[in-house]
């Protein structure tokens, strides 16, 4: 018989807050390339580049929110926590 999936689990559910689908494992080369790109973006962020920070947020928000949600298991608290984390990151970069 086919494998069934419990969509009630947070890691398999549609992330309504960020409109992201569950993540699918990617090849190691793609993850390494993305890590290098993020490192370059973060280098720009440390110089106060607002557009680089926006790009950093855009690329990481779904994963960060998903991790926080899995730990806190509360959507509202997770959204607040993620927002505060990004605000602190930007403040530290300025």
Protein backbone atom coordinates (compact mmCIF):
# COMPACT_ATOMS: atom_id res chain seq x y z
CA UNK A 1 0.00 0.00 0.00
CA UNK A 2 1.02 3.63 -0.50
CA UNK A 3 2.64 5.62 2.25
CA UNK A 4 0.33 8.07 4.02
CA UNK A 5 1.45 11.39 5.39
CA UNK A 6 0.04 13.11 8.44
CA UNK A 7 -0.39 16.69 7.24
CA UNK A 8 -1.22 17.85 10.75
CA UNK A 9 2.50 17.83 11.58
CA UNK A 10 4.01 21.37 11.39
CA UNK A 11 6.94 20.27 9.25
CA UNK A 12 4.61 18.92 6.56
CA UNK A 13 1.90 21.56 6.68
CA UNK A 14 1.70 24.62 4.45
CA UNK A 15 3.28 27.53 6.29
CA UNK A 16 0.45 30.04 6.02
CA UNK A 17 2.41 32.91 7.58
CA UNK A 18 5.12 32.80 4.92
CA UNK A 19 3.29 30.92 2.13
CA UNK A 20 6.10 28.38 1.96
CA UNK A 21 5.77 24.74 1.10
CA UNK A 22 7.59 22.15 3.20
CA UNK A 23 11.26 22.07 2.37
CA UNK A 24 12.58 19.28 0.18
CA UNK A 25 16.13 18.05 0.71
CA UNK A 26 18.47 19.47 -1.93
CA UNK A 27 21.77 18.16 -3.24
CA UNK A 28 24.83 19.11 -1.21
CA UNK A 29 26.23 21.26 -4.02
CA UNK A 30 23.11 23.43 -4.04
CA UNK A 31 23.25 23.86 -0.25
CA UNK A 32 26.94 24.83 -0.42
CA UNK A 33 26.29 27.35 -3.21
CA UNK A 34 23.43 28.85 -1.22
CA UNK A 35 25.61 29.07 1.88
CA UNK A 36 28.27 30.94 -0.09
CA UNK A 37 25.68 33.33 -1.50
CA UNK A 38 24.28 33.98 1.98
CA UNK A 39 27.80 34.64 3.28
CA UNK A 40 28.29 37.28 0.59
CA UNK A 41 24.91 38.82 1.38
CA UNK A 42 25.73 38.91 5.10
CA UNK A 43 29.02 40.61 4.32
CA UNK A 44 27.01 43.37 2.63
CA UNK A 45 24.61 43.49 5.57
CA UNK A 46 27.50 44.14 7.95
CA UNK A 47 28.23 47.26 5.89
CA UNK A 48 24.67 48.50 6.50
CA UNK A 49 23.24 47.54 3.10
CA UNK A 50 19.45 47.54 3.57
CA UNK A 51 18.72 45.82 0.27
CA UNK A 52 21.14 43.02 1.21
CA UNK A 53 19.32 42.61 4.52
CA UNK A 54 16.01 42.44 2.66
CA UNK A 55 17.49 39.71 0.45
CA UNK A 56 18.81 37.86 3.52
CA UNK A 57 15.35 38.04 5.10
CA UNK A 58 13.65 36.88 1.89
CA UNK A 59 15.98 33.86 1.57
CA UNK A 60 15.87 32.76 5.21
CA UNK A 61 12.48 33.72 6.64
CA UNK A 62 10.66 30.47 5.88
CA UNK A 63 13.33 28.23 7.36
CA UNK A 64 13.82 30.43 10.42
CA UNK A 65 10.09 30.61 11.06
CA UNK A 66 9.74 26.84 10.60
CA UNK A 67 12.51 26.10 13.09
CA UNK A 68 11.09 28.51 15.65
CA UNK A 69 7.58 27.14 15.20
CA UNK A 70 8.79 23.57 15.74
CA UNK A 71 10.39 24.63 19.02
CA UNK A 72 7.70 26.96 20.37
CA UNK A 73 4.63 25.26 18.82
CA UNK A 74 2.75 28.56 18.90
CA UNK A 75 2.20 30.47 15.67
CA UNK A 76 1.78 33.93 17.20
CA UNK A 77 4.74 33.61 19.54
CA UNK A 78 6.85 32.20 16.72
CA UNK A 79 6.01 35.14 14.45
CA UNK A 80 6.93 37.61 17.22
CA UNK A 81 10.14 35.76 18.01
CA UNK A 82 11.25 35.68 14.38
CA UNK A 83 10.44 39.37 13.94
CA UNK A 84 12.47 40.24 17.05
CA UNK A 85 15.38 38.09 15.86
CA UNK A 86 15.55 39.88 12.51
CA UNK A 87 15.24 43.28 14.20
CA UNK A 88 18.12 42.40 16.51
CA UNK A 89 20.18 41.14 13.58
CA UNK A 90 19.65 44.40 11.70
CA UNK A 91 20.44 46.48 14.80
CA UNK A 92 23.66 44.53 15.33
CA UNK A 93 24.64 45.08 11.70
CA UNK A 94 24.25 48.87 11.82
